[in-house]
Amino acid sequence: MLLLGVSAATLIGATPVAQLDVDFDQVRSAKGVLRICLTAAPENFPTCVDDHNATRRSIPAGASSLRFEGLPHGNYAVAVIHDENGNKKLDTIAGIPREGFGFSRNPPIRFGPPSFSAARFAINSDAEKQQVRLRYIL
């Protein structure tokens, strides 16, 4: 009976966690990899540079989805690049991306990447889904 009391106390203080499924649309080829960054830090979006709490994944460009598990409830944003040549960065010419990119909530792209708030979504339940449309300028 004592064991039951300890387990119940542990569960009461447990932080709710969830899974996030991210689907990728309009990837122009299976060449290279998709580099995905999931962050809750507005100041580190979309690059995730210096964000030790960001979750980064690289998957084959032919994959259509990715699942993140064990995420605490909160606000997040996803940034994706289609690294077609595998050099671990988004290639540009005069600041214009030569490779594909996309963001959670598919915000409009103007001059430069969207803000964290434009790509932000909340995880408040056991599961969330985001669909990211890849865009290509060149």
Protein backbone atom coordinates (compact mmCIF):
# COMPACT_ATOMS: atom_id res chain seq x y z
CA MET A 1 0.00 0.00 0.00
CA LEU A 2 2.89 2.34 0.72
CA LEU A 3 4.18 1.77 -2.83
CA LEU A 4 0.83 2.90 -4.22
CA GLY A 5 1.01 6.13 -2.23
CA VAL A 6 4.50 6.92 -3.56
CA SER A 7 3.43 6.24 -7.16
CA ALA A 8 0.36 8.44 -6.85
CA ALA A 9 2.42 11.28 -5.41
CA THR A 10 4.94 10.95 -8.23
CA LEU A 11 2.19 11.04 -10.86
CA ILE A 12 0.56 14.11 -9.36
CA GLY A 13 3.75 16.15 -9.78
CA ALA A 14 4.55 14.78 -13.24
CA THR A 15 4.90 17.23 -16.11
CA PRO A 16 2.47 16.49 -18.96
CA VAL A 17 4.23 15.32 -22.11
CA ALA A 18 3.07 14.96 -25.67
CA GLN A 19 4.08 13.82 -29.11
CA LEU A 20 4.34 15.98 -32.20
CA ASP A 21 3.98 14.64 -35.72
CA VAL A 22 5.39 16.86 -38.47
CA ASP A 23 4.44 16.09 -42.08
CA PHE A 24 6.42 17.51 -45.01
CA ASP A 25 4.71 18.58 -48.24
CA GLN A 26 6.03 19.65 -51.63
CA VAL A 27 9.59 18.39 -51.16
CA ARG A 28 10.94 18.66 -54.70
CA SER A 29 13.26 15.64 -54.59
CA ALA A 30 14.49 12.81 -52.40
CA LYS A 31 18.05 14.11 -52.81
CA GLY A 32 19.83 15.08 -49.60
CA VAL A 33 18.29 15.45 -46.16
CA LEU A 34 15.66 17.48 -44.34
CA ARG A 35 17.14 19.31 -41.36
CA ILE A 36 14.52 20.05 -38.76
CA CYS A 37 14.74 22.28 -35.70
CA LEU A 38 12.05 22.32 -33.02
CA THR A 39 12.43 25.12 -30.49
CA ALA A 40 10.53 26.91 -27.74
CA ALA A 41 12.98 29.85 -27.69
CA PRO A 42 11.86 32.85 -29.78
CA GLU A 43 15.34 34.39 -29.72
CA ASN A 44 16.85 31.31 -31.37
CA PHE A 45 14.29 30.84 -34.14
CA PRO A 46 14.69 29.81 -36.94
CA THR A 47 18.38 28.84 -36.75
CA CYS A 48 18.42 27.24 -33.27
CA VAL A 49 21.97 28.54 -32.86
CA ASP A 50 23.00 28.55 -29.18
CA ASP A 51 19.73 26.86 -28.24
CA HIS A 52 20.79 23.93 -26.08
CA ASN A 53 17.16 22.97 -25.51
CA ALA A 54 16.26 22.79 -29.20
CA THR A 55 15.60 19.42 -30.73
CA ARG A 56 17.35 18.89 -34.05
CA ARG A 57 16.82 16.01 -36.44
CA SER A 58 18.10 15.11 -39.91
CA ILE A 59 16.08 12.67 -41.96
CA PRO A 60 16.24 11.49 -45.59
CA ALA A 61 14.56 13.99 -47.91
CA GLY A 62 12.29 11.21 -49.16
CA ALA A 63 10.69 10.85 -45.71
CA SER A 64 7.22 12.34 -45.45
CA SER A 65 7.01 12.78 -41.67
CA LEU A 66 8.84 12.86 -38.36
CA ARG A 67 7.64 12.23 -34.80
CA PHE A 68 8.95 14.00 -31.70
CA GLU A 69 8.06 12.32 -28.39
CA GLY A 70 8.20 13.32 -24.73
CA LEU A 71 7.67 17.05 -25.31
CA PRO A 72 6.52 19.17 -22.38
CA HIS A 73 3.37 21.18 -23.04
CA GLY A 74 4.11 24.69 -24.26
CA ASN A 75 4.69 26.87 -27.32
CA TYR A 76 6.99 25.72 -30.11
CA ALA A 77 8.02 26.53 -33.67
CA VAL A 78 9.54 24.29 -36.35
CA ALA A 79 12.02 25.33 -39.05
CA VAL A 80 13.01 22.97 -41.88
CA ILE A 81 15.62 23.19 -44.63
CA HIS A 82 16.01 20.79 -47.54
CA ASP A 83 19.79 20.35 -47.56
CA GLU A 84 19.99 18.86 -51.03
CA ASN A 85 23.79 18.81 -51.22
CA GLY A 86 24.36 17.63 -47.64
CA ASN A 87 26.64 20.50 -46.58
CA LYS A 88 24.68 21.08 -43.33
CA LYS A 89 23.49 24.59 -44.20
CA LEU A 90 20.94 26.47 -46.30
CA ASP A 91 22.76 27.57 -49.46
CA THR A 92 21.98 31.07 -50.71
CA ILE A 93 22.91 33.40 -53.57
CA ALA A 94 22.89 37.08 -52.57
CA GLY A 95 20.77 36.12 -49.55
CA ILE A 96 18.18 34.22 -51.64
CA PRO A 97 17.82 30.55 -50.63
CA ARG A 98 18.89 28.03 -53.30
CA GLU A 99 17.46 25.13 -51.29
CA GLY A 100 14.01 24.50 -49.87
CA PHE A 101 12.78 25.73 -46.51
CA GLY A 102 9.58 25.68 -44.48
CA PHE A 103 8.10 26.55 -41.12
CA SER A 104 5.32 25.38 -38.84
CA ARG A 105 1.95 27.00 -39.59
CA ASN A 106 3.28 27.86 -43.11
CA PRO A 107 3.41 31.64 -42.55
CA PRO A 108 3.79 33.98 -45.52
CA ILE A 109 7.40 34.61 -46.51
CA ARG A 110 8.41 38.17 -47.16
CA PHE A 111 11.93 39.50 -46.74
CA GLY A 112 13.70 37.00 -44.52
CA PRO A 113 12.36 34.25 -42.31
CA PRO A 114 9.12 34.60 -40.34
CA SER A 115 9.11 35.53 -36.67
CA PHE A 116 8.73 32.92 -33.96
CA SER A 117 5.20 34.19 -33.27
CA ALA A 118 4.21 33.64 -36.93
CA ALA A 119 5.32 29.99 -36.77
CA ARG A 120 4.35 29.33 -33.13
CA PHE A 121 1.89 26.64 -32.17
CA ALA A 122 0.83 25.29 -28.78
CA ILE A 123 1.03 21.76 -27.51
CA ASN A 124 -1.64 21.45 -24.82
CA SER A 125 -2.77 17.85 -25.26
CA ASP A 126 -1.27 14.39 -25.71
CA ALA A 127 -0.64 14.84 -29.43
CA GLU A 128 -0.23 17.63 -31.95
CA LYS A 129 0.29 17.63 -35.70
CA GLN A 130 1.91 20.21 -37.96
CA GLN A 131 2.13 20.19 -41.73
CA VAL A 132 5.14 22.02 -43.19
CA ARG A 133 5.10 22.99 -46.86
CA LEU A 134 8.59 23.28 -48.33
CA ARG A 135 9.18 26.31 -50.54
CA TYR A 136 11.80 26.80 -53.25
CA ILE A 137 12.75 30.17 -54.68
CA LEU A 138 15.53 29.14 -57.08
